[in-house]
Amino acid sequence: MTAVDSRPAGVLDTSQSHRPFGARVKAFVALTKPRVIELLLMTTVPVMFLAAGGVPDLWLVLATCVGGYMSAGGAAAFNMYYDRDIDALMARTSQRPLVTGMVSPAECLVFASALTVGSTAWFWFLVNPLSAMLSLGALAFYVVVYTMWLKRRTAQNIVWGGIAGCMPVFIGWSAVTDSVSWAAAILFLVIFFWTPPHYWPLSMKVKDDYERVGVPMMPVVAGNKAVARQIVLYSWVMVIVSLLLWPLGYTGWFYPVVAAALGAFWLKEAHALQARAKAGVTGPGLKEMRLFHWSITYVSLLFVAVAVDPFLR
């Protein structure tokens, strides 16, 4: 990790007297990246409904969500600990707790370690050992493979690093069945192919930040036209994979109808972004964040359809 010796102007004093309790609590919550975890849980819970063929045990759902939050939160905290040098130099991350001094690096490391141990034990004893191992594997992959290895070395960082974000699908399925299945594998692939076209529009928006700190995100090394082309390619594969649950017999009629409609709108937005990029549009006119925001709506509604479908068969 490249060390940064100077802190940005306006950084908070790290002495205890300048860190109110309420602000400290908020800072520790912020270390877990709760908005990201919302998406992870949005893919976990519906898969549990599909695996159960209806309503799963609600205590099991709660236990899985709590364990998932702790595990993903631990991974996020480790990520912020390792990336604190570049976070201090990027506008998008300049207010993270380690940058402002609201949480010290040592505190963050202890917090992340506690969440890792706690989440693994939680899954092991309250859900099942398979889910515990899948959760721990996802955390280790995100921290070691993505954060420490891929992120600063290759433009494929989001592609392969996104595997960690796919694991909640397996965890949700294994929590109910104590096994994995082809249905879970298909949904895993949906998230795998969803992640790059979800994140690349955001990285197009803030590529100056990434370029400044030397992180080789795709828009930095390839340019908007090439990235938009990759977004369209991944989008088509994602939509096709999302429809496989139906012919393989894992869903009834409702899910494929919703998946097809959502996918059609996604492809419309992806091709529109590509057209603007090919025309050389830059700045606000590129409207790259339209696809980013839609991607969140897409995955949320798609997995709602996964949960609802068993009740309509």
Protein backbone atom coordinates (compact mmCIF):
# COMPACT_ATOMS: atom_id res chain seq x y z
CA MET A 1 0.00 0.00 0.00
CA THR A 2 1.29 3.45 -0.89
CA ALA A 3 1.51 5.57 2.23
CA VAL A 4 0.26 9.13 2.33
CA ASP A 5 2.12 11.22 4.84
CA SER A 6 0.02 14.38 4.71
CA ARG A 7 -3.66 14.72 5.52
CA PRO A 8 -6.06 16.92 3.55
CA ALA A 9 -6.89 20.35 4.87
CA GLY A 10 -9.73 20.45 7.35
CA VAL A 11 -9.14 16.96 8.76
CA LEU A 12 -10.58 16.48 12.24
CA ASP A 13 -8.46 16.29 15.34
CA THR A 14 -8.22 12.66 16.46
CA SER A 15 -8.10 13.38 20.18
CA GLN A 16 -10.96 11.93 22.18
CA SER A 17 -12.15 15.40 23.24
CA HIS A 18 -12.95 16.26 19.63
CA ARG A 19 -14.89 13.08 18.86
CA PRO A 20 -18.44 13.20 20.32
CA PHE A 21 -20.00 9.83 21.16
CA GLY A 22 -22.89 10.14 18.73
CA ALA A 23 -20.60 11.10 15.88
CA ARG A 24 -18.32 8.21 16.76
CA VAL A 25 -21.18 5.73 16.58
CA LYS A 26 -22.17 7.08 13.17
CA ALA A 27 -18.56 6.80 12.07
CA PHE A 28 -18.33 3.13 13.02
CA VAL A 29 -21.60 2.45 11.21
CA ALA A 30 -20.18 4.26 8.18
CA LEU A 31 -17.21 1.89 8.22
CA THR A 32 -19.59 -0.92 7.30
CA LYS A 33 -20.82 0.86 4.13
CA PRO A 34 -24.52 0.31 5.02
CA ARG A 35 -25.84 1.41 1.60
CA VAL A 36 -23.78 -1.30 -0.09
CA ILE A 37 -24.97 -3.86 2.45
CA GLU A 38 -28.59 -2.97 1.66
CA LEU A 39 -27.99 -4.26 -1.87
CA LEU A 40 -26.30 -7.42 -0.58
CA LEU A 41 -29.25 -8.22 1.68
CA MET A 42 -31.61 -7.40 -1.20
CA THR A 43 -30.14 -10.37 -3.05
CA THR A 44 -29.89 -12.64 -0.01
CA VAL A 45 -33.46 -12.62 1.30
CA PRO A 46 -35.35 -13.26 -1.98
CA VAL A 47 -33.11 -16.25 -2.70
CA MET A 48 -34.17 -17.69 0.65
CA PHE A 49 -37.82 -17.47 -0.49
CA LEU A 50 -36.95 -19.23 -3.74
CA ALA A 51 -34.99 -21.93 -1.92
CA ALA A 52 -37.87 -22.49 0.51
CA GLY A 53 -40.50 -22.47 -2.23
CA GLY A 54 -42.43 -19.95 -0.13
CA VAL A 55 -41.88 -18.23 3.19
CA PRO A 56 -38.69 -19.42 4.91
CA ASP A 57 -38.34 -19.57 8.67
CA LEU A 58 -38.37 -15.90 9.68
CA TRP A 59 -35.90 -16.40 12.50
CA LEU A 60 -33.52 -17.92 9.96
CA VAL A 61 -34.01 -14.90 7.68
CA LEU A 62 -33.22 -12.54 10.56
CA ALA A 63 -30.18 -14.56 11.62
CA THR A 64 -28.87 -14.64 8.06
CA CYS A 65 -29.35 -10.89 7.61
CA VAL A 66 -27.59 -10.06 10.88
CA GLY A 67 -24.71 -12.38 10.06
CA GLY A 68 -24.52 -11.02 6.54
CA TYR A 69 -24.41 -7.45 7.79
CA MET A 70 -21.60 -8.22 10.20
CA SER A 71 -19.58 -10.10 7.59
CA ALA A 72 -19.99 -7.52 4.82
CA GLY A 73 -19.41 -4.75 7.34
CA GLY A 74 -16.16 -6.34 8.42
CA ALA A 75 -15.03 -6.58 4.80
CA ALA A 76 -15.91 -2.92 4.21
CA ALA A 77 -14.01 -1.83 7.32
CA PHE A 78 -10.91 -3.75 6.23
CA ASN A 79 -11.27 -2.10 2.82
CA MET A 80 -11.35 1.37 4.37
CA TYR A 81 -8.35 0.54 6.54
CA TYR A 82 -6.27 -0.54 3.54
CA ASP A 83 -7.48 2.24 1.22
CA ARG A 84 -7.22 5.10 3.70
CA ASP A 85 -4.28 6.60 1.79
CA ILE A 86 -6.11 6.97 -1.52
CA ASP A 87 -9.45 7.76 0.18
CA ALA A 88 -7.82 10.91 1.56
CA LEU A 89 -7.06 12.09 -1.99
CA MET A 90 -10.40 11.33 -3.66
CA ALA A 91 -13.32 13.72 -3.43
CA ARG A 92 -15.87 10.89 -3.30
CA THR A 93 -14.23 9.30 -0.25
CA SER A 94 -12.73 12.31 1.50
CA GLN A 95 -15.27 12.21 4.34
CA ARG A 96 -14.80 8.57 5.30
CA PRO A 97 -14.17 8.04 9.04
CA LEU A 98 -10.48 7.18 8.75
CA VAL A 99 -9.82 10.22 6.58
CA THR A 100 -11.55 12.66 8.89
CA GLY A 101 -9.93 11.09 11.94
CA MET A 102 -13.24 10.19 13.57
CA VAL A 103 -11.94 6.60 13.78
CA SER A 104 -8.27 5.73 14.12
CA PRO A 105 -6.64 3.05 11.94
CA ALA A 106 -6.06 0.84 14.98
CA GLU A 107 -9.71 1.14 16.02
CA CYS A 108 -10.83 0.31 12.50
CA LEU A 109 -8.64 -2.79 12.39
CA VAL A 110 -9.95 -4.05 15.72
CA PHE A 111 -13.54 -3.32 14.65
CA ALA A 112 -13.12 -5.15 11.34
CA SER A 113 -11.50 -8.14 13.02
CA ALA A 114 -14.27 -8.34 15.63
CA LEU A 115 -16.94 -8.28 12.93
CA THR A 116 -15.14 -11.02 11.01
CA VAL A 117 -14.86 -13.34 14.00
CA GLY A 118 -18.34 -12.48 15.24
CA SER A 119 -20.04 -13.01 11.88
CA THR A 120 -18.33 -16.35 11.29
CA ALA A 121 -19.32 -17.64 14.74
CA TRP A 122 -22.83 -16.24 14.28
CA PHE A 123 -23.35 -18.10 11.00
CA TRP A 124 -21.74 -21.28 12.30
CA PHE A 125 -23.91 -21.61 15.40
CA LEU A 126 -27.15 -19.87 14.37
CA VAL A 127 -27.40 -20.71 10.65
CA ASN A 128 -25.08 -23.52 9.54
CA PRO A 129 -21.36 -24.17 9.00
CA LEU A 130 -21.65 -24.06 5.19
CA SER A 131 -23.04 -20.53 5.30
CA ALA A 132 -20.30 -19.56 7.76
CA MET A 133 -17.59 -20.79 5.38
CA LEU A 134 -19.19 -19.09 2.38
CA SER A 135 -19.44 -15.84 4.32
CA LEU A 136 -15.85 -15.99 5.50
CA GLY A 137 -14.71 -16.85 1.97
CA ALA A 138 -16.53 -13.86 0.52
CA LEU A 139 -14.98 -11.56 3.11
CA ALA A 140 -11.47 -12.90 2.49
CA PHE A 141 -11.91 -12.62 -1.28
CA TYR A 142 -13.05 -9.00 -1.06
CA VAL A 143 -10.26 -7.96 1.28
CA VAL A 144 -7.31 -9.95 -0.06
CA VAL A 145 -8.08 -10.57 -3.73
CA TYR A 146 -9.97 -7.39 -4.62
CA THR A 147 -8.76 -4.70 -2.18
CA MET A 148 -5.15 -5.75 -1.68
CA TRP A 149 -4.37 -7.33 -5.04
CA LEU A 150 -6.66 -6.45 -7.97
CA LYS A 151 -7.88 -2.92 -7.29
CA ARG A 152 -4.57 -1.14 -7.79
CA ARG A 153 -3.15 -3.47 -10.43
CA THR A 154 -5.67 -4.16 -13.18
CA ALA A 155 -8.63 -2.63 -14.99
CA GLN A 156 -10.36 -5.99 -14.47
CA ASN A 157 -10.56 -5.26 -10.74
CA ILE A 158 -14.32 -4.80 -10.67
CA VAL A 159 -14.97 -7.81 -12.91
CA TRP A 160 -13.23 -10.38 -10.73
CA GLY A 161 -13.47 -8.51 -7.47
CA GLY A 162 -17.24 -8.52 -7.93
CA ILE A 163 -17.27 -12.25 -7.10
CA ALA A 164 -17.41 -11.30 -3.42
CA GLY A 165 -20.64 -9.40 -4.04
CA CYS A 166 -22.16 -12.48 -5.69
CA MET A 167 -21.68 -14.70 -2.65
CA PRO A 168 -24.80 -13.56 -0.72
CA VAL A 169 -26.82 -15.52 -3.27
CA PHE A 170 -25.07 -18.76 -2.24
CA ILE A 171 -25.28 -17.79 1.42
CA GLY A 172 -29.04 -17.20 1.23
CA TRP A 173 -29.61 -20.51 -0.52
CA SER A 174 -27.33 -22.47 1.80
CA ALA A 175 -28.95 -20.93 4.87
CA VAL A 176 -32.25 -22.57 3.90
CA THR A 177 -31.07 -25.82 2.31
CA ASP A 178 -27.59 -26.36 3.80
CA SER A 179 -26.44 -26.86 0.20
CA VAL A 180 -25.98 -24.98 -3.07
CA SER A 181 -27.79 -25.52 -6.37
CA TRP A 182 -27.83 -24.58 -10.04
CA ALA A 183 -30.56 -22.03 -9.30
CA ALA A 184 -28.21 -20.25 -6.90
CA ALA A 185 -25.39 -20.53 -9.45
CA ILE A 186 -27.53 -18.81 -12.12
CA LEU A 187 -28.36 -15.93 -9.77
CA PHE A 188 -24.69 -15.77 -8.80
CA LEU A 189 -23.87 -15.25 -12.49
CA VAL A 190 -26.57 -12.59 -12.81
CA ILE A 191 -24.84 -10.56 -10.10
CA PHE A 192 -21.42 -11.34 -11.59
CA PHE A 193 -22.38 -9.88 -14.97
CA TRP A 194 -24.41 -7.09 -13.34
CA THR A 195 -21.53 -5.74 -11.24
CA PRO A 196 -19.28 -4.25 -13.98
CA PRO A 197 -22.05 -2.37 -15.87
CA HIS A 198 -23.39 -1.26 -12.49
CA TYR A 199 -20.08 0.18 -11.28
CA TRP A 200 -18.43 1.33 -14.51
CA PRO A 201 -20.86 4.23 -15.05
CA LEU A 202 -19.98 5.54 -11.58
CA SER A 203 -16.27 5.14 -12.29
CA MET A 204 -16.81 7.06 -15.55
CA LYS A 205 -18.27 9.88 -13.48
CA VAL A 206 -15.36 10.00 -11.01
CA LYS A 207 -12.54 8.77 -13.25
CA ASP A 208 -10.48 11.89 -12.49
CA ASP A 209 -10.38 10.78 -8.86
CA TYR A 210 -9.15 7.32 -9.80
CA GLU A 211 -6.62 8.69 -12.26
CA ARG A 212 -5.24 11.05 -9.62
CA VAL A 213 -4.54 8.19 -7.18
CA GLY A 214 -3.31 5.73 -9.80
CA VAL A 215 -6.15 3.21 -9.55
CA PRO A 216 -6.58 1.66 -13.03
CA MET A 217 -10.36 1.63 -13.28
CA MET A 218 -11.56 0.78 -16.79
CA PRO A 219 -12.55 4.37 -17.76
CA VAL A 220 -9.06 5.57 -16.76
CA VAL A 221 -7.14 3.09 -18.91
CA ALA A 222 -9.57 2.52 -21.80
CA GLY A 223 -11.71 5.65 -22.18
CA ASN A 224 -15.47 6.11 -22.26
CA LYS A 225 -16.10 4.57 -25.69
CA ALA A 226 -14.40 1.29 -24.81
CA VAL A 227 -16.08 1.17 -21.41
CA ALA A 228 -19.52 1.80 -22.91
CA ARG A 229 -18.93 -1.05 -25.36
CA GLN A 230 -18.03 -3.37 -22.47
CA ILE A 231 -21.11 -2.21 -20.57
CA VAL A 232 -23.35 -3.21 -23.47
CA LEU A 233 -21.62 -6.60 -23.79
CA TYR A 234 -21.94 -7.43 -20.10
CA SER A 235 -25.53 -6.16 -20.08
CA TRP A 236 -26.62 -8.53 -22.84
CA VAL A 237 -25.00 -11.51 -21.11
CA MET A 238 -26.59 -10.50 -17.79
CA VAL A 239 -30.08 -10.29 -19.25
CA ILE A 240 -29.74 -13.63 -21.05
CA VAL A 241 -28.45 -15.36 -17.92
CA SER A 242 -31.26 -13.84 -15.84
CA LEU A 243 -33.81 -15.61 -18.04
CA LEU A 244 -32.31 -19.09 -17.57
CA LEU A 245 -34.15 -19.77 -14.32
CA TRP A 246 -37.40 -20.26 -16.20
CA PRO A 247 -36.46 -22.84 -18.90
CA LEU A 248 -34.51 -24.78 -16.28
CA GLY A 249 -37.67 -25.07 -14.20
CA TYR A 250 -36.77 -23.01 -11.16
CA THR A 251 -39.52 -20.39 -11.59
CA GLY A 252 -43.01 -20.04 -12.95
CA TRP A 253 -44.31 -17.43 -15.40
CA PHE A 254 -44.01 -14.33 -13.21
CA TYR A 255 -40.25 -14.09 -12.85
CA PRO A 256 -39.35 -14.34 -16.57
CA VAL A 257 -41.95 -11.71 -17.48
CA VAL A 258 -40.49 -9.28 -14.95
CA ALA A 259 -36.90 -10.20 -15.88
CA ALA A 260 -37.56 -9.63 -19.58
CA ALA A 261 -39.22 -6.26 -19.00
CA LEU A 262 -36.49 -5.05 -16.66
CA GLY A 263 -33.80 -6.36 -18.97
CA ALA A 264 -35.28 -4.61 -22.00
CA PHE A 265 -35.22 -1.26 -20.21
CA TRP A 266 -31.67 -1.90 -19.00
CA LEU A 267 -30.49 -2.65 -22.55
CA LYS A 268 -32.19 0.52 -23.79
CA GLU A 269 -30.24 2.59 -21.25
CA ALA A 270 -26.96 0.75 -21.93
CA HIS A 271 -27.19 1.28 -25.69
CA ALA A 272 -28.14 4.94 -25.17
CA LEU A 273 -25.04 5.44 -23.02
CA GLN A 274 -22.92 3.77 -25.71
CA ALA A 275 -24.39 6.05 -28.39
CA ARG A 276 -23.55 9.14 -26.36
CA ALA A 277 -20.02 7.88 -25.68
CA LYS A 278 -19.43 7.04 -29.35
CA ALA A 279 -20.59 10.55 -30.27
CA GLY A 280 -17.87 11.94 -28.02
CA VAL A 281 -20.25 13.42 -25.45
CA THR A 282 -18.53 14.28 -22.17
CA GLY A 283 -19.48 16.00 -18.95
CA PRO A 284 -23.12 16.17 -17.78
CA GLY A 285 -24.36 15.33 -21.27
CA LEU A 286 -22.96 11.81 -21.03
CA LYS A 287 -25.60 11.02 -18.37
CA GLU A 288 -23.65 7.98 -17.19
CA MET A 289 -25.34 8.03 -13.78
CA ARG A 290 -28.71 7.23 -15.37
CA LEU A 291 -27.55 3.65 -15.85
CA PHE A 292 -25.90 3.53 -12.42
CA HIS A 293 -29.13 4.51 -10.66
CA TRP A 294 -31.23 2.25 -12.87
CA SER A 295 -28.92 -0.68 -12.12
CA ILE A 296 -29.86 -0.49 -8.45
CA THR A 297 -33.56 -0.40 -9.29
CA TYR A 298 -33.08 -3.28 -11.73
CA VAL A 299 -31.42 -5.68 -9.30
CA SER A 300 -33.87 -4.78 -6.52
CA LEU A 301 -36.97 -5.43 -8.64
CA LEU A 302 -35.46 -8.55 -10.22
CA PHE A 303 -34.88 -10.15 -6.84
CA VAL A 304 -38.30 -9.08 -5.60
CA ALA A 305 -39.62 -11.09 -8.55
CA VAL A 306 -37.48 -14.03 -7.38
CA ALA A 307 -39.18 -13.87 -3.98
CA VAL A 308 -42.73 -13.39 -5.31
CA ASP A 309 -42.63 -16.07 -8.02
CA PRO A 310 -43.00 -19.11 -5.71
CA PHE A 311 -46.37 -17.77 -4.53
CA LEU A 312 -47.76 -17.49 -8.06
CA ARG A 313 -46.88 -20.93 -9.38
